[in-house]
Amino acid sequence: MRRPVLVAAALLLSVACRADPTAVRADLCGDMGHLAATVNDLARYGASTRIAVVRGAIEKMDPTFGNLSRSGLADPAVLDRLLRAHVGYRDLLVGMGDDETYAALGPAAPPAAVAFRSAFRAAMSDLDCPA
């Protein structure tokens, strides 16, 4: 008699602890909404912007993108596009010193930034986040 009670309690607890997809989506949209200005800044950085600023902006997004990946809420193709653009932009900074400037990235930087911004906007749209 005692065992069925424990099993029932465990089932109730597991259901109660399961994340509500609507709440997860709302949290992700809130986080992504806060990152939108940073994403736009990445596409507008000037030649004199320090790499430390660019690197910091890109790294700031890691927790949110990790949460988005684990949530299962984004279309896999949209998520893949976003993560590839994020990693692609980050890869441009490999070997660069924090005191170097954005101009040192050369002609690859603006297209990478625009591709990243486009992928980010597509992910927000996929989640039905407010613009």
Protein backbone atom coordinates (compact mmCIF):
# COMPACT_ATOMS: atom_id res chain seq x y z
CA MET A 1 0.00 0.00 0.00
CA ARG A 2 2.81 2.35 0.80
CA ARG A 3 4.61 1.84 -2.54
CA PRO A 4 1.68 3.05 -4.74
CA VAL A 5 1.47 6.21 -2.63
CA LEU A 6 5.17 6.92 -3.21
CA VAL A 7 4.85 6.28 -6.95
CA ALA A 8 1.83 8.59 -7.17
CA ALA A 9 3.67 11.30 -5.24
CA ALA A 10 6.68 10.99 -7.54
CA LEU A 11 4.46 11.29 -10.62
CA LEU A 12 2.72 14.36 -9.25
CA LEU A 13 6.04 15.96 -8.41
CA SER A 14 7.45 15.28 -11.89
CA VAL A 15 4.38 16.82 -13.54
CA ALA A 16 4.51 19.84 -11.24
CA CYS A 17 8.21 20.42 -11.97
CA ARG A 18 7.87 20.20 -15.74
CA ALA A 19 8.37 23.62 -17.34
CA ASP A 20 5.35 25.19 -18.97
CA PRO A 21 6.25 25.83 -22.66
CA THR A 22 4.32 29.11 -22.62
CA ALA A 23 6.32 30.37 -19.64
CA VAL A 24 9.60 29.17 -21.17
CA ARG A 25 8.73 30.92 -24.44
CA ALA A 26 7.89 34.13 -22.56
CA ASP A 27 11.21 33.99 -20.69
CA LEU A 28 13.16 33.35 -23.89
CA CYS A 29 11.36 36.18 -25.68
CA GLY A 30 12.13 38.50 -22.79
CA ASP A 31 15.80 37.55 -22.84
CA MET A 32 16.02 37.83 -26.62
CA GLY A 33 14.22 41.16 -26.53
CA HIS A 34 16.90 42.47 -24.17
CA LEU A 35 19.60 41.17 -26.52
CA ALA A 36 18.08 42.74 -29.64
CA ALA A 37 19.85 46.07 -29.13
CA THR A 38 23.16 44.26 -28.70
CA VAL A 39 22.59 42.31 -31.92
CA ASN A 40 21.81 45.55 -33.75
CA ASP A 41 24.95 47.12 -32.29
CA LEU A 42 27.04 44.24 -33.65
CA ALA A 43 25.84 45.14 -37.14
CA ARG A 44 26.70 48.83 -36.63
CA TYR A 45 30.06 48.81 -34.92
CA GLY A 46 32.51 51.34 -36.27
CA ALA A 47 36.09 50.74 -37.30
CA SER A 48 37.43 52.06 -33.98
CA THR A 49 35.36 49.74 -31.76
CA ARG A 50 37.62 47.55 -29.65
CA ILE A 51 37.49 43.77 -30.10
CA ALA A 52 36.89 43.43 -26.35
CA VAL A 53 33.54 45.17 -26.83
CA VAL A 54 32.59 42.94 -29.76
CA ARG A 55 33.69 39.78 -27.95
CA GLY A 56 31.78 40.80 -24.83
CA ALA A 57 28.61 41.40 -26.84
CA ILE A 58 28.84 38.00 -28.50
CA GLU A 59 29.57 36.16 -25.24
CA LYS A 60 26.67 37.92 -23.53
CA MET A 61 24.31 35.87 -25.71
CA ASP A 62 25.66 32.42 -24.80
CA PRO A 63 23.30 31.71 -21.86
CA THR A 64 20.19 32.70 -23.79
CA PHE A 65 21.17 30.69 -26.86
CA GLY A 66 21.92 27.71 -24.61
CA ASN A 67 18.47 28.01 -23.05
CA LEU A 68 16.90 28.31 -26.49
CA SER A 69 18.72 25.17 -27.65
CA ARG A 70 17.59 23.17 -24.62
CA SER A 71 13.99 24.41 -24.78
CA GLY A 72 13.06 22.55 -27.95
CA LEU A 73 10.78 25.47 -28.88
CA ALA A 74 12.66 26.76 -31.92
CA ASP A 75 12.42 25.18 -35.33
CA PRO A 76 15.65 23.16 -35.74
CA ALA A 77 16.55 24.87 -39.03
CA VAL A 78 16.07 28.32 -37.50
CA LEU A 79 18.06 27.38 -34.41
CA ASP A 80 20.85 25.90 -36.54
CA ARG A 81 21.04 29.07 -38.63
CA LEU A 82 21.23 31.23 -35.49
CA LEU A 83 23.90 29.11 -33.82
CA ARG A 84 25.99 28.89 -37.01
CA ALA A 85 25.86 32.67 -37.42
CA HIS A 86 26.75 33.17 -33.75
CA VAL A 87 29.72 30.79 -33.93
CA GLY A 88 30.75 32.24 -37.30
CA TYR A 89 30.90 35.73 -35.86
CA ARG A 90 32.78 34.47 -32.80
CA ASP A 91 35.27 32.64 -35.04
CA LEU A 92 36.22 35.94 -36.68
CA LEU A 93 37.63 37.04 -33.33
CA VAL A 94 39.92 34.04 -32.79
CA GLY A 95 43.48 35.23 -32.42
CA MET A 96 42.47 38.88 -32.09
CA GLY A 97 43.62 40.88 -29.09
CA ASP A 98 41.09 42.77 -27.01
CA ASP A 99 42.80 46.08 -27.79
CA GLU A 100 42.65 45.58 -31.55
CA THR A 101 39.91 47.38 -33.41
CA TYR A 102 36.95 46.18 -35.41
CA ALA A 103 38.67 47.49 -38.54
CA ALA A 104 41.28 44.73 -38.14
CA LEU A 105 38.59 42.13 -38.89
CA GLY A 106 38.52 43.33 -42.46
CA PRO A 107 35.73 42.87 -44.99
CA ALA A 108 34.36 39.65 -43.44
CA ALA A 109 32.98 41.41 -40.37
CA PRO A 110 30.04 43.38 -41.80
CA PRO A 111 28.50 40.42 -43.69
CA ALA A 112 28.93 38.19 -40.61
CA ALA A 113 27.22 40.79 -38.43
CA VAL A 114 24.33 41.21 -40.87
CA ALA A 115 23.91 37.42 -41.20
CA PHE A 116 23.86 37.11 -37.43
CA ARG A 117 21.27 39.87 -37.06
CA SER A 118 19.10 38.23 -39.72
CA ALA A 119 19.33 34.82 -38.03
CA PHE A 120 18.52 36.38 -34.65
CA ARG A 121 15.44 38.10 -36.06
CA ALA A 122 14.32 34.83 -37.66
CA ALA A 123 14.62 33.07 -34.29
CA MET A 124 12.57 35.78 -32.59
CA SER A 125 9.93 35.46 -35.29
CA ASP A 126 9.93 31.67 -34.99
CA LEU A 127 9.23 32.00 -31.26
CA ASP A 128 6.51 34.62 -31.95
CA CYS A 129 8.38 37.13 -29.82
CA PRO A 130 7.25 40.74 -30.02
CA ALA A 131 9.51 42.82 -32.24
